[in-house]
N, C-alpha and C. Protein backbone atom coordinates (compact mmCIF):
# COMPACT_ATOMS: atom_id res chain seq x y z
N MET A 1 18.06 -66.09 39.12
CA MET A 1 18.63 -67.26 38.48
C MET A 1 18.55 -68.43 39.45
N PRO A 2 18.09 -69.61 39.00
CA PRO A 2 18.02 -70.77 39.88
C PRO A 2 19.40 -71.13 40.42
N ASP A 3 19.41 -71.75 41.59
CA ASP A 3 20.67 -72.09 42.25
C ASP A 3 21.56 -73.00 41.41
N HIS A 4 20.95 -73.87 40.60
CA HIS A 4 21.74 -74.85 39.85
C HIS A 4 22.36 -74.29 38.57
N ILE A 5 22.08 -73.05 38.23
CA ILE A 5 22.66 -72.43 37.03
C ILE A 5 23.65 -71.35 37.48
N SER A 6 24.91 -71.53 37.09
CA SER A 6 25.90 -70.51 37.42
C SER A 6 26.03 -69.54 36.26
N SER A 7 26.66 -68.42 36.51
CA SER A 7 26.83 -67.43 35.45
C SER A 7 27.70 -67.97 34.32
N LYS A 8 28.51 -69.00 34.62
CA LYS A 8 29.37 -69.59 33.59
C LYS A 8 28.63 -70.57 32.69
N THR A 9 27.46 -71.04 33.14
CA THR A 9 26.70 -72.00 32.34
C THR A 9 25.33 -71.49 31.94
N ASP A 10 24.92 -70.34 32.43
CA ASP A 10 23.60 -69.80 32.10
C ASP A 10 23.56 -69.46 30.61
N PRO A 11 22.70 -70.12 29.84
CA PRO A 11 22.67 -69.86 28.40
C PRO A 11 22.31 -68.43 28.04
N ARG A 12 21.58 -67.74 28.91
CA ARG A 12 21.25 -66.34 28.62
C ARG A 12 22.51 -65.48 28.65
N ILE A 13 23.39 -65.74 29.60
CA ILE A 13 24.65 -64.99 29.69
C ILE A 13 25.58 -65.37 28.54
N LEU A 14 25.67 -66.66 28.25
CA LEU A 14 26.53 -67.11 27.14
C LEU A 14 26.04 -66.56 25.81
N PHE A 15 24.72 -66.53 25.60
CA PHE A 15 24.16 -65.97 24.38
C PHE A 15 24.50 -64.49 24.28
N GLY A 16 24.32 -63.77 25.39
CA GLY A 16 24.63 -62.34 25.40
C GLY A 16 26.07 -62.06 25.07
N GLU A 17 26.98 -62.85 25.62
CA GLU A 17 28.41 -62.68 25.33
C GLU A 17 28.70 -62.93 23.86
N ARG A 18 28.06 -63.96 23.30
CA ARG A 18 28.26 -64.27 21.88
C ARG A 18 27.70 -63.15 21.00
N LEU A 19 26.56 -62.62 21.36
CA LEU A 19 25.96 -61.52 20.62
C LEU A 19 26.88 -60.30 20.62
N ILE A 20 27.43 -59.98 21.78
CA ILE A 20 28.37 -58.85 21.88
C ILE A 20 29.57 -59.09 20.96
N GLN A 21 30.10 -60.31 20.99
CA GLN A 21 31.27 -60.65 20.18
C GLN A 21 30.98 -60.42 18.69
N LEU A 22 29.84 -60.91 18.22
CA LEU A 22 29.50 -60.76 16.81
C LEU A 22 29.19 -59.31 16.45
N ARG A 23 28.54 -58.59 17.34
CA ARG A 23 28.23 -57.18 17.09
C ARG A 23 29.52 -56.35 17.00
N LYS A 24 30.42 -56.59 17.94
CA LYS A 24 31.68 -55.82 17.96
C LYS A 24 32.58 -56.17 16.79
N ARG A 25 32.46 -57.40 16.30
CA ARG A 25 33.24 -57.80 15.13
C ARG A 25 32.92 -56.89 13.94
N LEU A 26 31.68 -56.43 13.87
CA LEU A 26 31.26 -55.51 12.81
C LEU A 26 31.54 -54.05 13.16
N GLY A 27 31.94 -53.80 14.41
CA GLY A 27 32.18 -52.44 14.85
C GLY A 27 30.89 -51.68 15.11
N TRP A 28 29.82 -52.41 15.40
CA TRP A 28 28.51 -51.80 15.60
C TRP A 28 28.23 -51.53 17.07
N SER A 29 27.49 -50.46 17.30
CA SER A 29 26.97 -50.16 18.63
C SER A 29 25.67 -50.94 18.83
N GLN A 30 25.19 -50.97 20.07
CA GLN A 30 23.88 -51.57 20.31
C GLN A 30 22.81 -50.84 19.51
N GLU A 31 22.94 -49.53 19.42
CA GLU A 31 21.95 -48.75 18.68
C GLU A 31 21.91 -49.14 17.21
N ARG A 32 23.07 -49.34 16.63
CA ARG A 32 23.13 -49.74 15.21
C ARG A 32 22.48 -51.11 15.02
N LEU A 33 22.81 -52.07 15.89
CA LEU A 33 22.21 -53.39 15.77
C LEU A 33 20.71 -53.32 15.97
N SER A 34 20.28 -52.48 16.88
CA SER A 34 18.85 -52.29 17.10
C SER A 34 18.17 -51.78 15.84
N LEU A 35 18.75 -50.79 15.21
CA LEU A 35 18.17 -50.23 13.98
C LEU A 35 18.17 -51.24 12.84
N GLU A 36 19.25 -52.00 12.72
CA GLU A 36 19.36 -52.98 11.62
C GLU A 36 18.43 -54.18 11.82
N SER A 37 18.17 -54.55 13.07
CA SER A 37 17.39 -55.76 13.35
C SER A 37 15.92 -55.49 13.68
N GLY A 38 15.61 -54.28 14.09
CA GLY A 38 14.25 -53.99 14.53
C GLY A 38 13.97 -54.42 15.95
N VAL A 39 15.01 -54.79 16.68
CA VAL A 39 14.89 -55.18 18.09
C VAL A 39 15.19 -53.94 18.94
N ALA A 40 14.33 -53.62 19.88
CA ALA A 40 14.49 -52.41 20.70
C ALA A 40 15.84 -52.41 21.41
N ARG A 41 16.50 -51.25 21.43
CA ARG A 41 17.83 -51.15 22.03
C ARG A 41 17.83 -51.51 23.50
N SER A 42 16.82 -51.10 24.25
CA SER A 42 16.79 -51.42 25.68
C SER A 42 16.63 -52.93 25.89
N TYR A 43 15.84 -53.58 25.06
CA TYR A 43 15.69 -55.03 25.11
C TYR A 43 17.01 -55.71 24.76
N LEU A 44 17.65 -55.20 23.71
CA LEU A 44 18.93 -55.73 23.26
C LEU A 44 19.97 -55.66 24.37
N GLY A 45 20.00 -54.56 25.10
CA GLY A 45 20.92 -54.42 26.23
C GLY A 45 20.67 -55.49 27.28
N GLY A 46 19.41 -55.76 27.56
CA GLY A 46 19.06 -56.81 28.52
C GLY A 46 19.48 -58.19 28.04
N VAL A 47 19.36 -58.43 26.74
CA VAL A 47 19.80 -59.71 26.16
C VAL A 47 21.31 -59.83 26.32
N GLU A 48 22.04 -58.78 26.00
CA GLU A 48 23.50 -58.84 26.09
C GLU A 48 23.98 -59.02 27.53
N ARG A 49 23.22 -58.54 28.49
CA ARG A 49 23.58 -58.71 29.91
C ARG A 49 23.09 -60.03 30.48
N GLY A 50 22.39 -60.82 29.67
CA GLY A 50 21.87 -62.10 30.14
C GLY A 50 20.65 -61.98 31.03
N GLN A 51 19.96 -60.85 30.94
CA GLN A 51 18.78 -60.61 31.77
C GLN A 51 17.48 -60.98 31.07
N ARG A 52 17.55 -61.23 29.79
CA ARG A 52 16.35 -61.53 29.00
C ARG A 52 16.46 -62.93 28.42
N ASN A 53 15.35 -63.62 28.37
CA ASN A 53 15.26 -64.92 27.71
C ASN A 53 14.72 -64.66 26.31
N ILE A 54 15.61 -64.52 25.36
CA ILE A 54 15.25 -64.06 24.02
C ILE A 54 14.41 -65.08 23.26
N ALA A 55 13.47 -64.58 22.48
CA ALA A 55 12.58 -65.41 21.67
C ALA A 55 13.27 -65.79 20.36
N LEU A 56 12.86 -66.92 19.81
CA LEU A 56 13.43 -67.42 18.57
C LEU A 56 13.31 -66.41 17.43
N LEU A 57 12.19 -65.74 17.32
CA LEU A 57 12.01 -64.74 16.27
C LEU A 57 13.07 -63.64 16.37
N ASN A 58 13.38 -63.20 17.58
CA ASN A 58 14.40 -62.16 17.75
C ASN A 58 15.80 -62.70 17.48
N ILE A 59 16.05 -63.97 17.78
CA ILE A 59 17.34 -64.57 17.42
C ILE A 59 17.51 -64.52 15.90
N CYS A 60 16.46 -64.86 15.18
CA CYS A 60 16.52 -64.84 13.72
C CYS A 60 16.70 -63.42 13.18
N ARG A 61 16.04 -62.45 13.76
CA ARG A 61 16.19 -61.04 13.34
C ARG A 61 17.63 -60.57 13.56
N LEU A 62 18.18 -60.89 14.73
CA LEU A 62 19.56 -60.47 15.03
C LEU A 62 20.55 -61.16 14.10
N ALA A 63 20.35 -62.44 13.86
CA ALA A 63 21.25 -63.18 12.97
C ALA A 63 21.23 -62.57 11.57
N GLU A 64 20.05 -62.28 11.07
CA GLU A 64 19.96 -61.68 9.74
C GLU A 64 20.68 -60.33 9.69
N ALA A 65 20.48 -59.51 10.70
CA ALA A 65 21.13 -58.20 10.73
C ALA A 65 22.65 -58.34 10.79
N LEU A 66 23.14 -59.37 11.49
CA LEU A 66 24.58 -59.59 11.63
C LEU A 66 25.16 -60.40 10.47
N SER A 67 24.30 -60.81 9.53
CA SER A 67 24.71 -61.61 8.37
C SER A 67 25.35 -62.94 8.78
N VAL A 68 24.74 -63.58 9.77
CA VAL A 68 25.16 -64.92 10.19
C VAL A 68 23.92 -65.79 10.28
N SER A 69 24.13 -67.09 10.33
CA SER A 69 22.99 -67.99 10.52
C SER A 69 22.61 -67.98 12.01
N PRO A 70 21.36 -68.27 12.32
CA PRO A 70 20.95 -68.27 13.72
C PRO A 70 21.81 -69.17 14.61
N ASP A 71 22.27 -70.29 14.06
CA ASP A 71 23.08 -71.18 14.89
C ASP A 71 24.42 -70.56 15.29
N GLU A 72 24.90 -69.57 14.54
CA GLU A 72 26.14 -68.88 14.92
C GLU A 72 25.98 -68.15 16.25
N LEU A 73 24.78 -67.68 16.53
CA LEU A 73 24.54 -66.99 17.80
C LEU A 73 24.53 -67.97 18.97
N LEU A 74 24.37 -69.25 18.68
CA LEU A 74 24.32 -70.26 19.72
C LEU A 74 25.64 -70.98 19.91
N LYS A 75 26.67 -70.55 19.22
CA LYS A 75 28.00 -71.15 19.38
C LYS A 75 28.72 -70.43 20.52
N PHE A 76 28.45 -70.91 21.71
CA PHE A 76 28.99 -70.29 22.92
C PHE A 76 30.45 -70.66 23.11
N GLN A 77 31.17 -69.82 23.83
CA GLN A 77 32.56 -70.06 24.15
C GLN A 77 32.72 -71.42 24.79
N GLY A 78 33.74 -72.15 24.38
CA GLY A 78 34.00 -73.46 24.95
C GLY A 78 33.48 -74.59 24.09
N GLU A 79 32.71 -74.24 23.06
CA GLU A 79 32.19 -75.28 22.16
C GLU A 79 33.15 -75.48 21.02
């Protein structure tokens, strides 16, 4: 991670936290979300930990599986 991005402002970490929040709201495991979205579970884990820079197509797949609009995944804490 570049020096100018902290873990509190890194959008990858904030996105991952938001994804976890929405997934847990449904009571789903990572495996369930993986099956529903078609996104590999190991990749999904990396996204949730803020280790992956997720592609727009995968954001849309996850949003559809979670029955939310893609912009809901981008509503990070503090907004």
